[in-house]
Amino acid sequence: MSEFFEYKFLAMENYYNYICNENLTFTQSGKRCFLDFTLILTEQSIKTLAIYSTILTQVSKYAENLNNFYEEYSKLNEIYTVLPIDELLSENEKGYLKDDIDFIRYKFKL
């Protein structure tokens, strides 16, 4: 099993920590999380995919303007198409990731 859920949890925890404890907006929290995870986000790995998909899912749910996240959206799509997902994730992990990707793509096309 990969570290997929571990990094999803870490990204989610950071995202809501900034909202609840520092009173950041949904957009500010998303940007701050991407800054926090800069080192990991330079990789093309399952960890990176988990972080991008988790933060972008949350931002897509709540932020009023997604224009500030098109760079991250493009990077998510790039990594998603390059990584051998079937080899790296369990069926359960693939299901969660696919749901996130479908939701993010839907919201960014609006």
C-alpha atoms as a PDB file:
ATOM      1  CA  MET A   1       0.000   0.000   0.000  1.00  0.00           C
ATOM      2  CA  SER A   2       1.256   3.476  -0.848  1.00  0.00           C
ATOM      3  CA  GLU A   3       1.434   6.612   1.265  1.00  0.00           C
ATOM      4  CA  PHE A   4      -1.561   8.044  -0.583  1.00  0.00           C
ATOM      5  CA  PHE A   5      -3.982   8.329   2.352  1.00  0.00           C
ATOM      6  CA  GLU A   6      -1.262   9.527   4.709  1.00  0.00           C
ATOM      7  CA  TYR A   7      -0.542  12.497   2.459  1.00  0.00           C
ATOM      8  CA  LYS A   8      -4.232  13.164   1.793  1.00  0.00           C
ATOM      9  CA  PHE A   9      -4.743  13.408   5.548  1.00  0.00           C
ATOM     10  CA  LEU A  10      -1.711  15.667   5.983  1.00  0.00           C
ATOM     11  CA  ALA A  11      -2.891  18.031   3.234  1.00  0.00           C
ATOM     12  CA  MET A  12      -6.456  18.102   4.587  1.00  0.00           C
ATOM     13  CA  GLU A  13      -5.254  18.741   8.129  1.00  0.00           C
ATOM     14  CA  ASN A  14      -3.092  21.667   7.023  1.00  0.00           C
ATOM     15  CA  TYR A  15      -5.846  23.125   4.859  1.00  0.00           C
ATOM     16  CA  TYR A  16      -8.430  23.238   7.656  1.00  0.00           C
ATOM     17  CA  ASN A  17      -5.876  24.221  10.280  1.00  0.00           C
ATOM     18  CA  TYR A  18      -5.214  27.454   8.393  1.00  0.00           C
ATOM     19  CA  ILE A  19      -8.927  28.139   8.045  1.00  0.00           C
ATOM     20  CA  CYS A  20      -9.852  27.389  11.652  1.00  0.00           C
ATOM     21  CA  ASN A  21      -6.780  28.526  13.553  1.00  0.00           C
ATOM     22  CA  GLU A  22      -5.467  31.366  11.401  1.00  0.00           C
ATOM     23  CA  ASN A  23      -8.776  32.555   9.937  1.00  0.00           C
ATOM     24  CA  LEU A  24      -7.527  32.331   6.359  1.00  0.00           C
ATOM     25  CA  THR A  25     -10.013  32.192   3.507  1.00  0.00           C
ATOM     26  CA  PHE A  26     -10.423  28.986   1.491  1.00  0.00           C
ATOM     27  CA  THR A  27      -8.279  30.466  -1.274  1.00  0.00           C
ATOM     28  CA  GLN A  28      -5.583  31.718   1.102  1.00  0.00           C
ATOM     29  CA  SER A  29      -5.466  28.369   2.851  1.00  0.00           C
ATOM     30  CA  GLY A  30      -5.061  26.531  -0.447  1.00  0.00           C
ATOM     31  CA  LYS A  31      -2.214  28.795  -1.543  1.00  0.00           C
ATOM     32  CA  ARG A  32      -0.542  28.470   1.848  1.00  0.00           C
ATOM     33  CA  CYS A  33      -0.733  24.677   1.674  1.00  0.00           C
ATOM     34  CA  PHE A  34       0.852  24.639  -1.756  1.00  0.00           C
ATOM     35  CA  LEU A  35       3.692  26.758  -0.330  1.00  0.00           C
ATOM     36  CA  ASP A  36       4.075  24.437   2.665  1.00  0.00           C
ATOM     37  CA  PHE A  37       4.411  21.400   0.422  1.00  0.00           C
ATOM     38  CA  THR A  38       6.690  23.025  -2.179  1.00  0.00           C
ATOM     39  CA  LEU A  39       9.490  20.503  -1.709  1.00  0.00           C
ATOM     40  CA  ILE A  40       7.216  17.470  -2.111  1.00  0.00           C
ATOM     41  CA  LEU A  41       5.422  19.097  -5.048  1.00  0.00           C
ATOM     42  CA  THR A  42       8.633  19.179  -7.059  1.00  0.00           C
ATOM     43  CA  GLU A  43       8.426  15.382  -7.357  1.00  0.00           C
ATOM     44  CA  GLN A  44       6.195  13.383  -9.648  1.00  0.00           C
ATOM     45  CA  SER A  45       4.969  10.866  -7.107  1.00  0.00           C
ATOM     46  CA  ILE A  46       1.881   9.491  -5.453  1.00  0.00           C
ATOM     47  CA  LYS A  47       2.550  11.824  -2.506  1.00  0.00           C
ATOM     48  CA  THR A  48       2.431  14.794  -4.873  1.00  0.00           C
ATOM     49  CA  LEU A  49      -0.740  13.552  -6.498  1.00  0.00           C
ATOM     50  CA  ALA A  50      -2.391  13.078  -3.099  1.00  0.00           C
ATOM     51  CA  ILE A  51      -1.525  16.621  -2.038  1.00  0.00           C
ATOM     52  CA  TYR A  52      -2.609  18.274  -5.281  1.00  0.00           C
ATOM     53  CA  SER A  53      -5.868  16.340  -5.483  1.00  0.00           C
ATOM     54  CA  THR A  54      -6.782  16.913  -1.827  1.00  0.00           C
ATOM     55  CA  ILE A  55      -6.108  20.639  -1.753  1.00  0.00           C
ATOM     56  CA  LEU A  56      -7.698  21.259  -5.146  1.00  0.00           C
ATOM     57  CA  THR A  57     -10.786  19.278  -4.135  1.00  0.00           C
ATOM     58  CA  GLN A  58     -11.218  21.433  -1.047  1.00  0.00           C
ATOM     59  CA  VAL A  59     -10.558  24.663  -2.920  1.00  0.00           C
ATOM     60  CA  SER A  60     -13.003  23.582  -5.641  1.00  0.00           C
ATOM     61  CA  LYS A  61     -15.710  23.026  -3.043  1.00  0.00           C
ATOM     62  CA  TYR A  62     -15.443  26.374  -1.315  1.00  0.00           C
ATOM     63  CA  ALA A  63     -13.369  29.022  -3.086  1.00  0.00           C
ATOM     64  CA  GLU A  64     -15.292  31.535  -5.138  1.00  0.00           C
ATOM     65  CA  ASN A  65     -12.600  32.019  -7.772  1.00  0.00           C
ATOM     66  CA  LEU A  66     -10.588  29.085  -9.107  1.00  0.00           C
ATOM     67  CA  ASN A  67      -8.543  31.225 -11.516  1.00  0.00           C
ATOM     68  CA  ASN A  68      -5.796  31.455  -8.903  1.00  0.00           C
ATOM     69  CA  PHE A  69      -5.264  27.686  -9.069  1.00  0.00           C
ATOM     70  CA  TYR A  70      -4.908  26.926 -12.789  1.00  0.00           C
ATOM     71  CA  GLU A  71      -1.164  26.315 -12.476  1.00  0.00           C
ATOM     72  CA  GLU A  72      -1.772  23.692  -9.778  1.00  0.00           C
ATOM     73  CA  TYR A  73      -4.661  22.231 -11.783  1.00  0.00           C
ATOM     74  CA  SER A  74      -2.391  21.844 -14.824  1.00  0.00           C
ATOM     75  CA  LYS A  75       0.300  20.190 -12.729  1.00  0.00           C
ATOM     76  CA  LEU A  76      -2.236  17.767 -11.243  1.00  0.00           C
ATOM     77  CA  ASN A  77      -3.389  16.734 -14.712  1.00  0.00           C
ATOM     78  CA  GLU A  78       0.186  16.299 -15.893  1.00  0.00           C
ATOM     79  CA  ILE A  79       1.148  14.058 -12.984  1.00  0.00           C
ATOM     80  CA  TYR A  80      -2.096  12.090 -13.197  1.00  0.00           C
ATOM     81  CA  THR A  81      -1.452  11.233 -16.848  1.00  0.00           C
ATOM     82  CA  VAL A  82       2.258  10.391 -16.353  1.00  0.00           C
ATOM     83  CA  LEU A  83       2.227   8.191 -13.254  1.00  0.00           C
ATOM     84  CA  PRO A  84       1.372   4.478 -13.581  1.00  0.00           C
ATOM     85  CA  ILE A  85      -1.588   4.767 -11.206  1.00  0.00           C
ATOM     86  CA  ASP A  86      -2.707   1.146 -11.638  1.00  0.00           C
ATOM     87  CA  GLU A  87       0.674  -0.100 -10.443  1.00  0.00           C
ATOM     88  CA  LEU A  88       1.097   2.346  -7.574  1.00  0.00           C
ATOM     89  CA  LEU A  89      -2.308   2.445  -5.874  1.00  0.00           C
ATOM     90  CA  SER A  90      -4.725  -0.089  -4.451  1.00  0.00           C
ATOM     91  CA  GLU A  91      -8.269  -0.265  -5.826  1.00  0.00           C
ATOM     92  CA  ASN A  92      -9.548   1.725  -2.847  1.00  0.00           C
ATOM     93  CA  GLU A  93      -6.941   4.454  -3.333  1.00  0.00           C
ATOM     94  CA  LYS A  94      -7.652   4.610  -7.070  1.00  0.00           C
ATOM     95  CA  GLY A  95     -11.348   5.067  -6.329  1.00  0.00           C
ATOM     96  CA  TYR A  96     -10.724   8.031  -4.042  1.00  0.00           C
ATOM     97  CA  LEU A  97      -8.298   9.589  -6.496  1.00  0.00           C
ATOM     98  CA  LYS A  98     -10.652   9.155  -9.445  1.00  0.00           C
ATOM     99  CA  ASP A  99     -13.499  10.785  -7.513  1.00  0.00           C
ATOM    100  CA  ASP A 100     -11.250  13.726  -6.629  1.00  0.00           C
ATOM    101  CA  ILE A 101      -9.973  14.119 -10.194  1.00  0.00           C
ATOM    102  CA  ASP A 102     -13.479  13.945 -11.675  1.00  0.00           C
ATOM    103  CA  PHE A 103     -14.781  16.545  -9.219  1.00  0.00           C
ATOM    104  CA  ILE A 104     -11.832  18.902  -9.761  1.00  0.00           C
ATOM    105  CA  ARG A 105     -12.101  18.668 -13.547  1.00  0.00           C
ATOM    106  CA  TYR A 106     -15.836  19.347 -13.373  1.00  0.00           C
ATOM    107  CA  LYS A 107     -15.372  22.424 -11.198  1.00  0.00           C
ATOM    108  CA  PHE A 108     -12.509  23.848 -13.259  1.00  0.00           C
ATOM    109  CA  LYS A 109     -14.497  23.538 -16.475  1.00  0.00           C
ATOM    110  CA  LEU A 110     -17.311  25.731 -15.133  1.00  0.00           C
END
